[in-house]
PDB file of N, CA and C in Angstrom:
ATOM      1  N   UNK A   1       0.608  -1.373   0.103  1.00  0.00           N
ATOM      2  CA  UNK A   1      -0.208   0.098  -0.216  1.00  0.00           C
ATOM      3  C   UNK A   1       0.902   1.109   0.186  1.00  0.00           C
ATOM      4  N   UNK A   2       0.715   2.055  -0.476  1.00  0.00           N
ATOM      5  CA  UNK A   2       1.319   3.514  -0.693  1.00  0.00           C
ATOM      6  C   UNK A   2       1.357   4.223  -0.254  1.00  0.00           C
ATOM      7  N   UNK A   3       1.666   5.065   0.472  1.00  0.00           N
ATOM      8  CA  UNK A   3       1.663   6.565   1.850  1.00  0.00           C
ATOM      9  C   UNK A   3       2.034   7.227   1.142  1.00  0.00           C
ATOM     10  N   UNK A   4       0.934   8.417   1.856  1.00  0.00           N
ATOM     11  CA  UNK A   4       1.377  10.391   1.488  1.00  0.00           C
ATOM     12  C   UNK A   4       2.618  10.465   2.260  1.00  0.00           C
ATOM     13  N   UNK A   5       3.216  10.148   3.341  1.00  0.00           N
ATOM     14  CA  UNK A   5       4.153  10.641   4.506  1.00  0.00           C
ATOM     15  C   UNK A   5       5.339   9.213   4.893  1.00  0.00           C
ATOM     16  N   UNK A   6       5.868  10.089   5.126  1.00  0.00           N
ATOM     17  CA  UNK A   6       6.803   8.776   5.668  1.00  0.00           C
ATOM     18  C   UNK A   6       7.422   7.977   4.565  1.00  0.00           C
ATOM     19  N   UNK A   7       7.557   8.297   4.011  1.00  0.00           N
ATOM     20  CA  UNK A   7       8.126   7.205   2.485  1.00  0.00           C
ATOM     21  C   UNK A   7       9.249   7.048   2.734  1.00  0.00           C
ATOM     22  N   UNK A   8      10.034   6.140   2.751  1.00  0.00           N
ATOM     23  CA  UNK A   8      11.304   5.853   2.567  1.00  0.00           C
ATOM     24  C   UNK A   8      12.219   6.052   1.580  1.00  0.00           C
ATOM     25  N   UNK A   9      13.198   6.823   1.499  1.00  0.00           N
ATOM     26  CA  UNK A   9      13.852   6.790   0.081  1.00  0.00           C
ATOM     27  C   UNK A   9      14.224   5.481  -0.286  1.00  0.00           C
ATOM     28  N   UNK A  10      14.077   5.814  -1.479  1.00  0.00           N
ATOM     29  CA  UNK A  10      14.328   4.338  -2.629  1.00  0.00           C
ATOM     30  C   UNK A  10      15.794   4.066  -2.986  1.00  0.00           C
ATOM     31  N   UNK A  11      16.478   2.835  -2.488  1.00  0.00           N
ATOM     32  CA  UNK A  11      17.737   2.684  -2.862  1.00  0.00           C
ATOM     33  C   UNK A  11      17.728   1.867  -3.457  1.00  0.00           C
ATOM     34  N   UNK A  12      18.931   2.867  -4.574  1.00  0.00           N
ATOM     35  CA  UNK A  12      19.458   2.234  -5.709  1.00  0.00           C
ATOM     36  C   UNK A  12      20.444   1.700  -5.942  1.00  0.00           C
ATOM     37  N   UNK A  13      19.661   0.297  -6.390  1.00  0.00           N
ATOM     38  CA  UNK A  13      20.957  -0.696  -6.553  1.00  0.00           C
ATOM     39  C   UNK A  13      21.736  -0.631  -8.222  1.00  0.00           C
ATOM     40  N   UNK A  14      22.571  -0.814  -7.615  1.00  0.00           N
ATOM     41  CA  UNK A  14      23.831  -1.477  -9.023  1.00  0.00           C
ATOM     42  C   UNK A  14      24.264  -2.939  -9.075  1.00  0.00           C
ATOM     43  N   UNK A  15      24.384  -2.774 -10.163  1.00  0.00           N
ATOM     44  CA  UNK A  15      24.865  -4.414 -11.137  1.00  0.00           C
ATOM     45  C   UNK A  15      26.663  -4.331 -11.036  1.00  0.00           C
ATOM     46  N   UNK A  16      26.854  -5.486 -10.208  1.00  0.00           N
ATOM     47  CA  UNK A  16      28.247  -5.690 -10.196  1.00  0.00           C
ATOM     48  C   UNK A  16      28.671  -6.399 -11.208  1.00  0.00           C
ATOM     49  N   UNK A  17      29.841  -6.873 -11.694  1.00  0.00           N
ATOM     50  CA  UNK A  17      30.251  -8.300 -12.537  1.00  0.00           C
ATOM     51  C   UNK A  17      30.215  -9.319 -12.109  1.00  0.00           C
ATOM     52  N   UNK A  18      30.287  -9.382 -10.909  1.00  0.00           N
ATOM     53  CA  UNK A  18      30.001 -10.982 -10.278  1.00  0.00           C
ATOM     54  C   UNK A  18      28.130 -11.296 -10.974  1.00  0.00           C
ATOM     55  N   UNK A  19      27.469 -10.274 -10.189  1.00  0.00           N
ATOM     56  CA  UNK A  19      26.186 -10.402 -10.783  1.00  0.00           C
ATOM     57  C   UNK A  19      25.829 -10.721 -12.251  1.00  0.00           C
ATOM     58  N   UNK A  20      26.978 -10.161 -13.122  1.00  0.00           N
ATOM     59  CA  UNK A  20      26.732 -10.197 -14.881  1.00  0.00           C
ATOM     60  C   UNK A  20      26.784 -11.812 -14.834  1.00  0.00           C
ATOM     61  N   UNK A  21      28.180 -12.667 -14.487  1.00  0.00           N
ATOM     62  CA  UNK A  21      28.832 -13.770 -14.483  1.00  0.00           C
ATOM     63  C   UNK A  21      27.336 -14.656 -14.004  1.00  0.00           C
ATOM     64  N   UNK A  22      26.967 -14.385 -12.918  1.00  0.00           N
ATOM     65  CA  UNK A  22      26.188 -15.516 -12.283  1.00  0.00           C
ATOM     66  C   UNK A  22      24.850 -15.764 -13.316  1.00  0.00           C
ATOM     67  N   UNK A  23      24.014 -14.350 -13.971  1.00  0.00           N
ATOM     68  CA  UNK A  23      23.168 -14.624 -14.855  1.00  0.00           C
ATOM     69  C   UNK A  23      23.987 -15.389 -15.726  1.00  0.00           C
ATOM     70  N   UNK A  24      24.996 -15.543 -16.654  1.00  0.00           N
ATOM     71  CA  UNK A  24      25.039 -15.442 -17.913  1.00  0.00           C
ATOM     72  C   UNK A  24      25.719 -17.534 -17.431  1.00  0.00           C
ATOM     73  N   UNK A  25      25.776 -17.296 -16.335  1.00  0.00           N
ATOM     74  CA  UNK A  25      25.953 -19.074 -15.790  1.00  0.00           C
ATOM     75  C   UNK A  25      24.444 -19.318 -15.737  1.00  0.00           C
ATOM     76  N   UNK A  26      24.051 -19.168 -14.841  1.00  0.00           N
ATOM     77  CA  UNK A  26      22.151 -19.555 -14.897  1.00  0.00           C
ATOM     78  C   UNK A  26      22.195 -19.426 -16.676  1.00  0.00           C
ATOM     79  N   UNK A  27      22.123 -19.316 -17.578  1.00  0.00           N
ATOM     80  CA  UNK A  27      21.211 -18.931 -18.804  1.00  0.00           C
ATOM     81  C   UNK A  27      22.045 -19.995 -19.284  1.00  0.00           C
ATOM     82  N   UNK A  28      23.151 -20.306 -19.213  1.00  0.00           N
ATOM     83  CA  UNK A  28      23.877 -21.410 -19.784  1.00  0.00           C
ATOM     84  C   UNK A  28      23.511 -22.784 -19.107  1.00  0.00           C
ATOM     85  N   UNK A  29      22.834 -22.994 -18.447  1.00  0.00           N
ATOM     86  CA  UNK A  29      22.349 -24.030 -17.963  1.00  0.00           C
ATOM     87  C   UNK A  29      20.872 -24.277 -18.000  1.00  0.00           C
ATOM     88  N   UNK A  30      20.272 -23.040 -18.208  1.00  0.00           N
ATOM     89  CA  UNK A  30      19.125 -23.391 -18.514  1.00  0.00           C
ATOM     90  C   UNK A  30      19.156 -23.752 -20.183  1.00  0.00           C
ATOM     91  N   UNK A  31      19.786 -23.233 -20.733  1.00  0.00           N
ATOM     92  CA  UNK A  31      20.119 -23.369 -21.840  1.00  0.00           C
ATOM     93  C   UNK A  31      20.525 -24.711 -22.418  1.00  0.00           C
ATOM     94  N   UNK A  32      21.383 -25.623 -21.548  1.00  0.00           N
ATOM     95  CA  UNK A  32      21.667 -27.017 -21.464  1.00  0.00           C
ATOM     96  C   UNK A  32      20.295 -28.030 -21.565  1.00  0.00           C
ATOM     97  N   UNK A  33      20.155 -27.514 -20.544  1.00  0.00           N
ATOM     98  CA  UNK A  33      18.686 -28.348 -19.644  1.00  0.00           C
ATOM     99  C   UNK A  33      17.785 -28.223 -20.577  1.00  0.00           C
ATOM    100  N   UNK A  34      17.341 -27.251 -20.814  1.00  0.00           N
ATOM    101  CA  UNK A  34      15.922 -27.165 -21.901  1.00  0.00           C
ATOM    102  C   UNK A  34      16.752 -27.606 -23.581  1.00  0.00           C
ATOM    103  N   UNK A  35      17.361 -27.849 -23.813  1.00  0.00           N
ATOM    104  CA  UNK A  35      18.225 -27.557 -25.398  1.00  0.00           C
ATOM    105  C   UNK A  35      18.077 -26.312 -26.321  1.00  0.00           C
ATOM    106  N   UNK A  36      17.388 -25.055 -25.867  1.00  0.00           N
ATOM    107  CA  UNK A  36      17.602 -23.819 -26.280  1.00  0.00           C
ATOM    108  C   UNK A  36      18.499 -23.383 -26.345  1.00  0.00           C
ATOM    109  N   UNK A  37      19.106 -22.481 -27.152  1.00  0.00           N
ATOM    110  CA  UNK A  37      19.981 -21.547 -27.784  1.00  0.00           C
ATOM    111  C   UNK A  37      20.127 -20.568 -26.036  1.00  0.00           C
ATOM    112  N   UNK A  38      21.309 -19.780 -26.554  1.00  0.00           N
ATOM    113  CA  UNK A  38      21.422 -18.938 -25.434  1.00  0.00           C
ATOM    114  C   UNK A  38      20.337 -17.741 -25.504  1.00  0.00           C
ATOM    115  N   UNK A  39      20.391 -17.742 -26.597  1.00  0.00           N
ATOM    116  CA  UNK A  39      19.522 -16.003 -27.657  1.00  0.00           C
ATOM    117  C   UNK A  39      18.565 -16.739 -27.093  1.00  0.00           C
ATOM    118  N   UNK A  40      17.706 -17.960 -27.469  1.00  0.00           N
ATOM    119  CA  UNK A  40      16.417 -18.040 -26.894  1.00  0.00           C
ATOM    120  C   UNK A  40      15.536 -17.662 -25.164  1.00  0.00           C
ATOM    121  N   UNK A  41      16.867 -18.257 -24.785  1.00  0.00           N
ATOM    122  CA  UNK A  41      16.906 -18.461 -23.050  1.00  0.00           C
ATOM    123  C   UNK A  41      16.368 -16.851 -23.301  1.00  0.00           C
ATOM    124  N   UNK A  42      17.563 -15.979 -23.274  1.00  0.00           N
ATOM    125  CA  UNK A  42      17.653 -14.617 -23.119  1.00  0.00           C
ATOM    126  C   UNK A  42      16.377 -14.064 -23.263  1.00  0.00           C
ATOM    127  N   UNK A  43      15.976 -14.291 -24.384  1.00  0.00           N
ATOM    128  CA  UNK A  43      14.655 -13.887 -25.006  1.00  0.00           C
ATOM    129  C   UNK A  43      13.163 -14.108 -24.209  1.00  0.00           C
ATOM    130  N   UNK A  44      13.396 -15.441 -23.555  1.00  0.00           N
ATOM    131  CA  UNK A  44      12.680 -15.938 -22.377  1.00  0.00           C
ATOM    132  C   UNK A  44      12.408 -14.947 -21.153  1.00  0.00           C
ATOM    133  N   UNK A  45      14.149 -14.731 -21.023  1.00  0.00           N
ATOM    134  CA  UNK A  45      14.260 -13.332 -19.556  1.00  0.00           C
ATOM    135  C   UNK A  45      14.043 -12.196 -19.987  1.00  0.00           C
ATOM    136  N   UNK A  46      14.121 -11.887 -21.683  1.00  0.00           N
ATOM    137  CA  UNK A  46      13.190 -10.383 -21.834  1.00  0.00           C
ATOM    138  C   UNK A  46      11.832 -10.417 -21.535  1.00  0.00           C
ATOM    139  N   UNK A  47      11.220 -11.265 -22.380  1.00  0.00           N
ATOM    140  CA  UNK A  47       9.509 -11.431 -21.747  1.00  0.00           C
ATOM    141  C   UNK A  47       9.681 -11.591 -20.151  1.00  0.00           C
ATOM    142  N   UNK A  48      10.052 -11.914 -19.192  1.00  0.00           N
ATOM    143  CA  UNK A  48       9.634 -12.213 -17.961  1.00  0.00           C
ATOM    144  C   UNK A  48       9.752 -10.970 -17.296  1.00  0.00           C
ATOM    145  N   UNK A  49      11.172 -10.146 -18.526  1.00  0.00           N
ATOM    146  CA  UNK A  49      11.415  -8.978 -17.255  1.00  0.00           C
ATOM    147  C   UNK A  49      10.015  -8.122 -17.790  1.00  0.00           C
ATOM    148  N   UNK A  50       9.310  -8.222 -19.073  1.00  0.00           N
ATOM    149  CA  UNK A  50       8.950  -7.156 -19.376  1.00  0.00           C
ATOM    150  C   UNK A  50       7.110  -7.166 -18.555  1.00  0.00           C
ATOM    151  N   UNK A  51       7.223  -8.707 -18.298  1.00  0.00           N
ATOM    152  CA  UNK A  51       5.983  -9.009 -17.650  1.00  0.00           C
ATOM    153  C   UNK A  51       6.361  -8.497 -16.005  1.00  0.00           C
ATOM    154  N   UNK A  52       7.825  -8.759 -15.647  1.00  0.00           N
ATOM    155  CA  UNK A  52       7.602  -7.650 -14.078  1.00  0.00           C
ATOM    156  C   UNK A  52       6.984  -6.291 -13.833  1.00  0.00           C
ATOM    157  N   UNK A  53       7.865  -5.444 -15.286  1.00  0.00           N
ATOM    158  CA  UNK A  53       7.791  -4.291 -15.508  1.00  0.00           C
ATOM    159  C   UNK A  53       6.281  -4.098 -15.228  1.00  0.00           C
ATOM    160  N   UNK A  54       5.331  -4.570 -15.765  1.00  0.00           N
ATOM    161  CA  UNK A  54       3.767  -4.742 -16.063  1.00  0.00           C
ATOM    162  C   UNK A  54       3.126  -4.772 -15.136  1.00  0.00           C
ATOM    163  N   UNK A  55       3.604  -5.562 -14.379  1.00  0.00           N
ATOM    164  CA  UNK A  55       2.993  -6.102 -13.015  1.00  0.00           C
ATOM    165  C   UNK A  55       3.438  -4.777 -11.596  1.00  0.00           C
ATOM    166  N   UNK A  56       4.893  -4.497 -11.964  1.00  0.00           N
ATOM    167  CA  UNK A  56       4.881  -3.180 -11.223  1.00  0.00           C
ATOM    168  C   UNK A  56       4.335  -1.860 -11.138  1.00  0.00           C
ATOM    169  N   UNK A  57       3.847  -1.591 -12.795  1.00  0.00           N
ATOM    170  CA  UNK A  57       3.299  -0.534 -13.049  1.00  0.00           C
ATOM    171  C   UNK A  57       1.749  -0.947 -12.362  1.00  0.00           C
ATOM    172  N   UNK A  58       0.919  -1.534 -12.445  1.00  0.00           N
ATOM    173  CA  UNK A  58       0.315  -2.081 -12.184  1.00  0.00           C
ATOM    174  C   UNK A  58      -0.348  -1.996 -10.418  1.00  0.00           C
ATOM    175  N   UNK A  59       0.906  -2.401  -9.693  1.00  0.00           N
ATOM    176  CA  UNK A  59       0.972  -2.486  -8.138  1.00  0.00           C
ATOM    177  C   UNK A  59       1.239  -0.867  -8.036  1.00  0.00           C
ATOM    178  N   UNK A  60       1.735   0.405  -9.012  1.00  0.00           N
ATOM    179  CA  UNK A  60       1.879   1.602  -8.117  1.00  0.00           C
ATOM    180  C   UNK A  60       0.602   1.957  -9.254  1.00  0.00           C
ATOM    181  N   UNK A  61      -0.249   1.526  -9.602  1.00  0.00           N
ATOM    182  CA  UNK A  61      -1.706   1.915  -9.968  1.00  0.00           C
ATOM    183  C   UNK A  61      -2.253   1.767  -9.174  1.00  0.00           C
ATOM    184  N   UNK A  62      -2.411   0.633  -8.419  1.00  0.00           N
ATOM    185  CA  UNK A  62      -3.550   0.305  -6.916  1.00  0.00           C
ATOM    186  C   UNK A  62      -3.301   1.090  -5.950  1.00  0.00           C
ATOM    187  N   UNK A  63      -1.680   1.418  -5.695  1.00  0.00           N
ATOM    188  CA  UNK A  63      -1.500   2.052  -4.400  1.00  0.00           C
ATOM    189  C   UNK A  63      -1.485   3.612  -4.638  1.00  0.00           C
ATOM    190  N   UNK A  64      -1.727   4.473  -5.906  1.00  0.00           N
ATOM    191  CA  UNK A  64      -2.149   5.837  -6.407  1.00  0.00           C
ATOM    192  C   UNK A  64      -3.863   5.174  -5.922  1.00  0.00           C
ATOM    193  N   UNK A  65      -4.135   4.678  -6.730  1.00  0.00           N
ATOM    194  CA  UNK A  65      -5.765   4.660  -6.661  1.00  0.00           C
ATOM    195  C   UNK A  65      -6.314   4.490  -5.004  1.00  0.00           C
ATOM    196  N   UNK A  66      -5.651   4.056  -3.704  1.00  0.00           N
ATOM    197  CA  UNK A  66      -5.542   3.565  -2.697  1.00  0.00           C
ATOM    198  C   UNK A  66      -5.234   5.683  -2.183  1.00  0.00           C
ATOM    199  N   UNK A  67      -4.597   6.014  -2.557  1.00  0.00           N
ATOM    200  CA  UNK A  67      -4.168   7.415  -2.266  1.00  0.00           C
ATOM    201  C   UNK A  67      -5.211   8.378  -2.510  1.00  0.00           C
ATOM    202  N   UNK A  68      -5.208   8.252  -3.989  1.00  0.00           N
ATOM    203  CA  UNK A  68      -6.264   9.426  -4.678  1.00  0.00           C
ATOM    204  C   UNK A  68      -8.105   9.272  -3.848  1.00  0.00           C
ATOM    205  N   UNK A  69      -8.528   7.983  -3.514  1.00  0.00           N
ATOM    206  CA  UNK A  69      -9.749   7.726  -2.835  1.00  0.00           C
ATOM    207  C   UNK A  69      -9.230   8.300  -1.221  1.00  0.00           C
ATOM    208  N   UNK A  70      -8.616   8.214  -0.479  1.00  0.00           N
ATOM    209  CA  UNK A  70      -8.258   8.525   0.733  1.00  0.00           C
ATOM    210  C   UNK A  70      -8.235  10.141   0.971  1.00  0.00           C
ATOM    211  N   UNK A  71      -7.519  10.582  -0.419  1.00  0.00           N
ATOM    212  CA  UNK A  71      -7.804  12.609  -0.321  1.00  0.00           C
ATOM    213  C   UNK A  71      -9.157  12.740  -0.201  1.00  0.00           C
ATOM    214  N   UNK A  72      -9.425  12.013  -1.782  1.00  0.00           N
ATOM    215  CA  UNK A  72     -11.145  11.988  -1.608  1.00  0.00           C
ATOM    216  C   UNK A  72     -11.902  12.188  -0.533  1.00  0.00           C
ATOM    217  N   UNK A  73     -11.764  10.947  -0.048  1.00  0.00           N
ATOM    218  CA  UNK A  73     -12.674  11.237   1.064  1.00  0.00           C
ATOM    219  C   UNK A  73     -12.449  12.751   2.449  1.00  0.00           C
ATOM    220  N   UNK A  74     -11.012  12.893   2.680  1.00  0.00           N
ATOM    221  CA  UNK A  74     -11.148  14.320   3.246  1.00  0.00           C
ATOM    222  C   UNK A  74     -11.658  15.357   2.536  1.00  0.00           C
ATOM    223  N   UNK A  75     -11.477  15.309   1.077  1.00  0.00           N
ATOM    224  CA  UNK A  75     -11.948  16.556   0.840  1.00  0.00           C
ATOM    225  C   UNK A  75     -13.727  16.464   0.618  1.00  0.00           C
ATOM    226  N   UNK A  76     -14.435  15.099   0.839  1.00  0.00           N
ATOM    227  CA  UNK A  76     -15.531  15.019   0.868  1.00  0.00           C
ATOM    228  C   UNK A  76     -15.953  15.799   2.399  1.00  0.00           C
ATOM    229  N   UNK A  77     -14.988  15.586   2.899  1.00  0.00           N
ATOM    230  CA  UNK A  77     -15.249  15.868   4.516  1.00  0.00           C
ATOM    231  C   UNK A  77     -15.152  17.337   4.862  1.00  0.00           C
ATOM    232  N   UNK A  78     -14.397  17.829   4.242  1.00  0.00           N
ATOM    233  CA  UNK A  78     -14.344  19.193   3.832  1.00  0.00           C
ATOM    234  C   UNK A  78     -15.392  20.193   3.626  1.00  0.00           C
ATOM    235  N   UNK A  79     -15.392  19.256   2.369  1.00  0.00           N
ATOM    236  CA  UNK A  79     -16.988  19.932   1.768  1.00  0.00           C
ATOM    237  C   UNK A  79     -17.952  20.369   2.486  1.00  0.00           C
ATOM    238  N   UNK A  80     -18.228  19.051   3.154  1.00  0.00           N
ATOM    239  CA  UNK A  80     -19.488  18.372   3.892  1.00  0.00           C
ATOM    240  C   UNK A  80     -19.629  19.859   5.083  1.00  0.00           C
ATOM    241  N   UNK A  81     -18.584  19.907   5.551  1.00  0.00           N
ATOM    242  CA  UNK A  81     -18.028  21.443   6.713  1.00  0.00           C
ATOM    243  C   UNK A  81     -18.338  22.255   6.249  1.00  0.00           C
ATOM    244  N   UNK A  82     -17.760  22.787   4.721  1.00  0.00           N
ATOM    245  CA  UNK A  82     -17.794  24.164   4.680  1.00  0.00           C
ATOM    246  C   UNK A  82     -19.596  23.872   4.295  1.00  0.00           C
ATOM    247  N   UNK A  83     -19.810  23.476   3.725  1.00  0.00           N
ATOM    248  CA  UNK A  83     -21.262  23.483   3.719  1.00  0.00           C
ATOM    249  C   UNK A  83     -22.848  23.462   5.381  1.00  0.00           C
ATOM    250  N   UNK A  84     -21.751  22.957   5.954  1.00  0.00           N
ATOM    251  CA  UNK A  84     -22.958  23.437   7.205  1.00  0.00           C
ATOM    252  C   UNK A  84     -22.612  24.559   7.696  1.00  0.00           C
ATOM    253  N   UNK A  85     -21.783  25.459   7.519  1.00  0.00           N
ATOM    254  CA  UNK A  85     -21.056  26.951   7.742  1.00  0.00           C
ATOM    255  C   UNK A  85     -21.809  27.658   7.238  1.00  0.00           C
TER     256      UNK A  85
END
């Protein structure tokens, strides 16, 4: 759930050479096990990354909707109080 206050700063992450070597090793292993080429396995990785990116957009949209709903409720209460005045 998203928050309007006290949002912690996002931590930027860095890719290291070890990360790259690990990923290449994993792709080679998957390639050998499945019989797919390195390039085919890499294409599947790209497809999965696109799916992950889309899921992140959806989750961010859900948090935004919750925030806007909360703000809308507050504005309605303020409007009701102003109407009574």
